[in-house]
């Protein structure tokens, strides 16, 4: 399962979620503005900006279509 750590009013977050939906990739969204207890999780992964996309050994930040394609 793909997990997307997102924030409110985040354009790249919206683009990632739109891309995943268009390619019929199921994902769980964790909005760190609404669930701040996950902020430390994102920091522990080495990221300081949303969105963070994670699936198994693949983890990256930002809207990166080439990386998203690996999730299909």
PDB file of N, CA and C in Angstrom:
ATOM      1  N   UNK A   1       0.846  -1.186   0.000  1.00  0.00           N
ATOM      2  CA  UNK A   1       0.000   0.000   0.000  1.00  0.00           C
ATOM      3  C   UNK A   1       0.888   1.245   0.000  1.00  0.00           C
ATOM      4  N   UNK A   2       0.489   2.222  -0.767  1.00  0.00           N
ATOM      5  CA  UNK A   2       1.187   3.501  -0.854  1.00  0.00           C
ATOM      6  C   UNK A   2       0.662   4.417   0.257  1.00  0.00           C
ATOM      7  N   UNK A   3       1.562   5.109   0.905  1.00  0.00           N
ATOM      8  CA  UNK A   3       1.189   6.111   1.900  1.00  0.00           C
ATOM      9  C   UNK A   3       1.678   7.468   1.419  1.00  0.00           C
ATOM     10  N   UNK A   4       0.785   8.458   1.486  1.00  0.00           N
ATOM     11  CA  UNK A   4       1.130   9.830   1.109  1.00  0.00           C
ATOM     12  C   UNK A   4       0.989  10.701   2.351  1.00  0.00           C
ATOM     13  N   UNK A   5       2.091  11.281   2.785  1.00  0.00           N
ATOM     14  CA  UNK A   5       2.066  12.253   3.868  1.00  0.00           C
ATOM     15  C   UNK A   5       1.885  13.616   3.218  1.00  0.00           C
ATOM     16  N   UNK A   6       0.773  14.271   3.521  1.00  0.00           N
ATOM     17  CA  UNK A   6       0.432  15.523   2.837  1.00  0.00           C
ATOM     18  C   UNK A   6       0.185  16.642   3.842  1.00  0.00           C
ATOM     19  N   UNK A   7      -0.035  17.836   3.288  1.00  0.00           N
ATOM     20  CA  UNK A   7      -0.381  19.014   4.087  1.00  0.00           C
ATOM     21  C   UNK A   7      -1.526  19.732   3.395  1.00  0.00           C
ATOM     22  N   UNK A   8      -2.231  20.562   4.144  1.00  0.00           N
ATOM     23  CA  UNK A   8      -3.275  21.405   3.566  1.00  0.00           C
ATOM     24  C   UNK A   8      -2.641  22.447   2.644  1.00  0.00           C
ATOM     25  N   UNK A   9      -3.364  22.851   1.621  1.00  0.00           N
ATOM     26  CA  UNK A   9      -2.930  23.907   0.703  1.00  0.00           C
ATOM     27  C   UNK A   9      -1.565  23.627   0.084  1.00  0.00           C
ATOM     28  N   UNK A  10      -1.290  22.372  -0.223  1.00  0.00           N
ATOM     29  CA  UNK A  10      -0.012  21.955  -0.802  1.00  0.00           C
ATOM     30  C   UNK A  10      -0.260  21.525  -2.250  1.00  0.00           C
ATOM     31  N   UNK A  11       0.225  22.318  -3.193  1.00  0.00           N
ATOM     32  CA  UNK A  11      -0.035  22.031  -4.602  1.00  0.00           C
ATOM     33  C   UNK A  11       0.604  20.715  -5.038  1.00  0.00           C
ATOM     34  N   UNK A  12       1.834  20.461  -4.617  1.00  0.00           N
ATOM     35  CA  UNK A  12       2.474  19.199  -5.002  1.00  0.00           C
ATOM     36  C   UNK A  12       1.729  18.000  -4.410  1.00  0.00           C
ATOM     37  N   UNK A  13       1.183  18.164  -3.199  1.00  0.00           N
ATOM     38  CA  UNK A  13       0.394  17.088  -2.592  1.00  0.00           C
ATOM     39  C   UNK A  13      -0.825  16.784  -3.458  1.00  0.00           C
ATOM     40  N   UNK A  14      -1.503  17.840  -3.893  1.00  0.00           N
ATOM     41  CA  UNK A  14      -2.685  17.663  -4.745  1.00  0.00           C
ATOM     42  C   UNK A  14      -2.312  16.988  -6.055  1.00  0.00           C
ATOM     43  N   UNK A  15      -1.169  17.361  -6.622  1.00  0.00           N
ATOM     44  CA  UNK A  15      -0.732  16.768  -7.891  1.00  0.00           C
ATOM     45  C   UNK A  15      -0.410  15.289  -7.723  1.00  0.00           C
ATOM     46  N   UNK A  16       0.233  14.929  -6.607  1.00  0.00           N
ATOM     47  CA  UNK A  16       0.550  13.523  -6.342  1.00  0.00           C
ATOM     48  C   UNK A  16      -0.739  12.713  -6.214  1.00  0.00           C
ATOM     49  N   UNK A  17      -1.689  13.207  -5.425  1.00  0.00           N
ATOM     50  CA  UNK A  17      -2.937  12.481  -5.225  1.00  0.00           C
ATOM     51  C   UNK A  17      -3.719  12.360  -6.525  1.00  0.00           C
ATOM     52  N   UNK A  18      -3.714  13.417  -7.332  1.00  0.00           N
ATOM     53  CA  UNK A  18      -4.395  13.368  -8.628  1.00  0.00           C
ATOM     54  C   UNK A  18      -3.741  12.317  -9.532  1.00  0.00           C
ATOM     55  N   UNK A  19      -2.417  12.303  -9.586  1.00  0.00           N
ATOM     56  CA  UNK A  19      -1.690  11.337 -10.417  1.00  0.00           C
ATOM     57  C   UNK A  19      -2.016   9.912  -9.976  1.00  0.00           C
ATOM     58  N   UNK A  20      -1.972   9.661  -8.683  1.00  0.00           N
ATOM     59  CA  UNK A  20      -2.267   8.323  -8.169  1.00  0.00           C
ATOM     60  C   UNK A  20      -3.697   7.902  -8.508  1.00  0.00           C
ATOM     61  N   UNK A  21      -4.645   8.812  -8.343  1.00  0.00           N
ATOM     62  CA  UNK A  21      -6.033   8.497  -8.681  1.00  0.00           C
ATOM     63  C   UNK A  21      -6.202   8.216 -10.169  1.00  0.00           C
ATOM     64  N   UNK A  22      -5.569   9.025 -11.011  1.00  0.00           N
ATOM     65  CA  UNK A  22      -5.676   8.832 -12.459  1.00  0.00           C
ATOM     66  C   UNK A  22      -5.085   7.497 -12.900  1.00  0.00           C
ATOM     67  N   UNK A  23      -4.085   7.013 -12.186  1.00  0.00           N
ATOM     68  CA  UNK A  23      -3.441   5.746 -12.535  1.00  0.00           C
ATOM     69  C   UNK A  23      -3.959   4.587 -11.683  1.00  0.00           C
ATOM     70  N   UNK A  24      -5.049   4.849 -10.966  1.00  0.00           N
ATOM     71  CA  UNK A  24      -5.745   3.839 -10.169  1.00  0.00           C
ATOM     72  C   UNK A  24      -4.831   3.134  -9.169  1.00  0.00           C
ATOM     73  N   UNK A  25      -3.983   3.936  -8.535  1.00  0.00           N
ATOM     74  CA  UNK A  25      -3.108   3.431  -7.479  1.00  0.00           C
ATOM     75  C   UNK A  25      -3.773   3.746  -6.140  1.00  0.00           C
ATOM     76  N   UNK A  26      -4.078   2.724  -5.377  1.00  0.00           N
ATOM     77  CA  UNK A  26      -4.693   2.935  -4.070  1.00  0.00           C
ATOM     78  C   UNK A  26      -3.650   3.460  -3.102  1.00  0.00           C
ATOM     79  N   UNK A  27      -4.075   4.401  -2.270  1.00  0.00           N
ATOM     80  CA  UNK A  27      -3.144   4.980  -1.299  1.00  0.00           C
ATOM     81  C   UNK A  27      -3.875   5.415  -0.049  1.00  0.00           C
ATOM     82  N   UNK A  28      -3.126   5.443   1.047  1.00  0.00           N
ATOM     83  CA  UNK A  28      -3.597   6.020   2.302  1.00  0.00           C
ATOM     84  C   UNK A  28      -2.975   7.394   2.419  1.00  0.00           C
ATOM     85  N   UNK A  29      -3.782   8.364   2.797  1.00  0.00           N
ATOM     86  CA  UNK A  29      -3.273   9.726   2.993  1.00  0.00           C
ATOM     87  C   UNK A  29      -3.208  10.030   4.478  1.00  0.00           C
ATOM     88  N   UNK A  30      -2.078  10.564   4.893  1.00  0.00           N
ATOM     89  CA  UNK A  30      -1.932  11.053   6.263  1.00  0.00           C
ATOM     90  C   UNK A  30      -1.617  12.541   6.160  1.00  0.00           C
ATOM     91  N   UNK A  31      -2.584  13.360   6.543  1.00  0.00           N
ATOM     92  CA  UNK A  31      -2.406  14.809   6.488  1.00  0.00           C
ATOM     93  C   UNK A  31      -1.737  15.247   7.792  1.00  0.00           C
ATOM     94  N   UNK A  32      -0.489  15.702   7.678  1.00  0.00           N
ATOM     95  CA  UNK A  32       0.259  16.044   8.889  1.00  0.00           C
ATOM     96  C   UNK A  32      -0.182  17.366   9.517  1.00  0.00           C
ATOM     97  N   UNK A  33      -0.989  18.161   8.800  1.00  0.00           N
ATOM     98  CA  UNK A  33      -1.592  19.339   9.428  1.00  0.00           C
ATOM     99  C   UNK A  33      -2.699  18.889  10.384  1.00  0.00           C
ATOM    100  N   UNK A  34      -3.426  17.849   9.988  1.00  0.00           N
ATOM    101  CA  UNK A  34      -4.530  17.342  10.802  1.00  0.00           C
ATOM    102  C   UNK A  34      -4.077  16.290  11.815  1.00  0.00           C
ATOM    103  N   UNK A  35      -2.945  15.649  11.545  1.00  0.00           N
ATOM    104  CA  UNK A  35      -2.401  14.629  12.451  1.00  0.00           C
ATOM    105  C   UNK A  35      -0.923  14.942  12.717  1.00  0.00           C
ATOM    106  N   UNK A  36      -0.666  15.987  13.516  1.00  0.00           N
ATOM    107  CA  UNK A  36       0.713  16.426  13.728  1.00  0.00           C
ATOM    108  C   UNK A  36       1.608  15.379  14.398  1.00  0.00           C
ATOM    109  N   UNK A  37       1.018  14.341  14.960  1.00  0.00           N
ATOM    110  CA  UNK A  37       1.838  13.286  15.570  1.00  0.00           C
ATOM    111  C   UNK A  37       2.681  12.545  14.532  1.00  0.00           C
ATOM    112  N   UNK A  38       2.358  12.715  13.232  1.00  0.00           N
ATOM    113  CA  UNK A  38       3.134  12.075  12.167  1.00  0.00           C
ATOM    114  C   UNK A  38       4.273  12.951  11.639  1.00  0.00           C
ATOM    115  N   UNK A  39       4.385  14.188  12.121  1.00  0.00           N
ATOM    116  CA  UNK A  39       5.471  15.069  11.673  1.00  0.00           C
ATOM    117  C   UNK A  39       6.824  14.441  11.982  1.00  0.00           C
ATOM    118  N   UNK A  40       6.967  13.891  13.170  1.00  0.00           N
ATOM    119  CA  UNK A  40       8.248  13.275  13.546  1.00  0.00           C
ATOM    120  C   UNK A  40       8.550  12.070  12.658  1.00  0.00           C
ATOM    121  N   UNK A  41       7.530  11.338  12.242  1.00  0.00           N
ATOM    122  CA  UNK A  41       7.721  10.204  11.332  1.00  0.00           C
ATOM    123  C   UNK A  41       8.354  10.669  10.029  1.00  0.00           C
ATOM    124  N   UNK A  42       7.839  11.767   9.487  1.00  0.00           N
ATOM    125  CA  UNK A  42       8.367  12.322   8.235  1.00  0.00           C
ATOM    126  C   UNK A  42       9.806  12.810   8.443  1.00  0.00           C
ATOM    127  N   UNK A  43      10.050  13.481   9.543  1.00  0.00           N
ATOM    128  CA  UNK A  43      11.407  13.959   9.842  1.00  0.00           C
ATOM    129  C   UNK A  43      12.370  12.788  10.011  1.00  0.00           C
ATOM    130  N   UNK A  44      11.919  11.726  10.659  1.00  0.00           N
ATOM    131  CA  UNK A  44      12.769  10.549  10.858  1.00  0.00           C
ATOM    132  C   UNK A  44      13.129   9.874   9.538  1.00  0.00           C
ATOM    133  N   UNK A  45      12.278  10.040   8.519  1.00  0.00           N
ATOM    134  CA  UNK A  45      12.578   9.491   7.192  1.00  0.00           C
ATOM    135  C   UNK A  45      13.565  10.385   6.439  1.00  0.00           C
ATOM    136  N   UNK A  46      13.860  11.561   7.009  1.00  0.00           N
ATOM    137  CA  UNK A  46      14.840  12.460   6.396  1.00  0.00           C
ATOM    138  C   UNK A  46      14.247  13.540   5.519  1.00  0.00           C
ATOM    139  N   UNK A  47      12.939  13.772   5.636  1.00  0.00           N
ATOM    140  CA  UNK A  47      12.282  14.771   4.789  1.00  0.00           C
ATOM    141  C   UNK A  47      11.788  15.948   5.613  1.00  0.00           C
ATOM    142  N   UNK A  48      11.776  17.109   4.962  1.00  0.00           N
ATOM    143  CA  UNK A  48      11.306  18.319   5.621  1.00  0.00           C
ATOM    144  C   UNK A  48      10.199  19.013   4.837  1.00  0.00           C
ATOM    145  N   UNK A  49       9.767  18.388   3.735  1.00  0.00           N
ATOM    146  CA  UNK A  49       8.726  19.004   2.905  1.00  0.00           C
ATOM    147  C   UNK A  49       7.736  17.938   2.446  1.00  0.00           C
ATOM    148  N   UNK A  50       6.503  18.339   2.321  1.00  0.00           N
ATOM    149  CA  UNK A  50       5.453  17.455   1.813  1.00  0.00           C
ATOM    150  C   UNK A  50       5.289  17.695   0.313  1.00  0.00           C
ATOM    151  N   UNK A  51       4.793  16.717  -0.379  1.00  0.00           N
ATOM    152  CA  UNK A  51       4.363  15.407   0.076  1.00  0.00           C
ATOM    153  C   UNK A  51       5.537  14.435   0.182  1.00  0.00           C
ATOM    154  N   UNK A  52       5.359  13.448   1.037  1.00  0.00           N
ATOM    155  CA  UNK A  52       6.288  12.323   1.113  1.00  0.00           C
ATOM    156  C   UNK A  52       5.487  11.092   0.715  1.00  0.00           C
ATOM    157  N   UNK A  53       6.012  10.362  -0.254  1.00  0.00           N
ATOM    158  CA  UNK A  53       5.341   9.168  -0.766  1.00  0.00           C
ATOM    159  C   UNK A  53       6.174   7.963  -0.360  1.00  0.00           C
ATOM    160  N   UNK A  54       5.500   6.945   0.185  1.00  0.00           N
ATOM    161  CA  UNK A  54       6.218   5.773   0.670  1.00  0.00           C
ATOM    162  C   UNK A  54       5.490   4.494   0.272  1.00  0.00           C
ATOM    163  N   UNK A  55       6.261   3.552  -0.239  1.00  0.00           N
ATOM    164  CA  UNK A  55       5.763   2.187  -0.486  1.00  0.00           C
ATOM    165  C   UNK A  55       6.960   1.251  -0.429  1.00  0.00           C
ATOM    166  N   UNK A  56       6.921   0.330   0.517  1.00  0.00           N
ATOM    167  CA  UNK A  56       8.002  -0.633   0.696  1.00  0.00           C
ATOM    168  C   UNK A  56       9.347   0.095   0.764  1.00  0.00           C
ATOM    169  N   UNK A  57      10.269  -0.210  -0.163  1.00  0.00           N
ATOM    170  CA  UNK A  57      11.600   0.404  -0.130  1.00  0.00           C
ATOM    171  C   UNK A  57      11.665   1.728  -0.889  1.00  0.00           C
ATOM    172  N   UNK A  58      10.572   2.136  -1.522  1.00  0.00           N
ATOM    173  CA  UNK A  58      10.543   3.396  -2.279  1.00  0.00           C
ATOM    174  C   UNK A  58       9.993   4.500  -1.378  1.00  0.00           C
ATOM    175  N   UNK A  59      10.781   5.540  -1.194  1.00  0.00           N
ATOM    176  CA  UNK A  59      10.343   6.714  -0.432  1.00  0.00           C
ATOM    177  C   UNK A  59      10.941   7.947  -1.084  1.00  0.00           C
ATOM    178  N   UNK A  60      10.093   8.934  -1.362  1.00  0.00           N
ATOM    179  CA  UNK A  60      10.580  10.175  -1.966  1.00  0.00           C
ATOM    180  C   UNK A  60       9.659  11.323  -1.594  1.00  0.00           C
ATOM    181  N   UNK A  61      10.129  12.518  -1.855  1.00  0.00           N
ATOM    182  CA  UNK A  61       9.368  13.724  -1.559  1.00  0.00           C
ATOM    183  C   UNK A  61       9.114  14.498  -2.835  1.00  0.00           C
ATOM    184  N   UNK A  62       7.953  15.136  -2.902  1.00  0.00           N
ATOM    185  CA  UNK A  62       7.625  15.980  -4.037  1.00  0.00           C
ATOM    186  C   UNK A  62       6.834  15.255  -5.110  1.00  0.00           C
ATOM    187  N   UNK A  63       6.441  16.000  -6.128  1.00  0.00           N
ATOM    188  CA  UNK A  63       5.726  15.436  -7.269  1.00  0.00           C
ATOM    189  C   UNK A  63       6.756  15.002  -8.294  1.00  0.00           C
ATOM    190  N   UNK A  64       6.999  13.691  -8.350  1.00  0.00           N
ATOM    191  CA  UNK A  64       8.020  13.131  -9.229  1.00  0.00           C
ATOM    192  C   UNK A  64       7.386  12.005 -10.050  1.00  0.00           C
ATOM    193  N   UNK A  65       6.843  12.346 -11.223  1.00  0.00           N
ATOM    194  CA  UNK A  65       6.148  11.344 -12.029  1.00  0.00           C
ATOM    195  C   UNK A  65       6.975  10.095 -12.330  1.00  0.00           C
ATOM    196  N   UNK A  66       8.275  10.229 -12.517  1.00  0.00           N
ATOM    197  CA  UNK A  66       9.093   9.048 -12.806  1.00  0.00           C
ATOM    198  C   UNK A  66       9.141   8.106 -11.612  1.00  0.00           C
ATOM    199  N   UNK A  67       9.145   8.651 -10.408  1.00  0.00           N
ATOM    200  CA  UNK A  67       9.113   7.816  -9.210  1.00  0.00           C
ATOM    201  C   UNK A  67       7.710   7.273  -8.973  1.00  0.00           C
ATOM    202  N   UNK A  68       6.690   8.083  -9.219  1.00  0.00           N
ATOM    203  CA  UNK A  68       5.309   7.619  -9.063  1.00  0.00           C
ATOM    204  C   UNK A  68       5.022   6.451  -9.986  1.00  0.00           C
ATOM    205  N   UNK A  69       5.602   6.471 -11.188  1.00  0.00           N
ATOM    206  CA  UNK A  69       5.373   5.401 -12.156  1.00  0.00           C
ATOM    207  C   UNK A  69       5.864   4.053 -11.630  1.00  0.00           C
ATOM    208  N   UNK A  70       6.848   4.064 -10.738  1.00  0.00           N
ATOM    209  CA  UNK A  70       7.366   2.822 -10.165  1.00  0.00           C
ATOM    210  C   UNK A  70       6.353   2.170  -9.220  1.00  0.00           C
ATOM    211  N   UNK A  71       5.344   2.922  -8.814  1.00  0.00           N
ATOM    212  CA  UNK A  71       4.352   2.423  -7.871  1.00  0.00           C
ATOM    213  C   UNK A  71       3.207   1.690  -8.570  1.00  0.00           C
ATOM    214  N   UNK A  72       3.110   1.832  -9.877  1.00  0.00           N
ATOM    215  CA  UNK A  72       1.984   1.245 -10.621  1.00  0.00           C
ATOM    216  C   UNK A  72       2.167  -0.240 -10.757  1.00  0.00           C
TER     217      UNK A  72
END
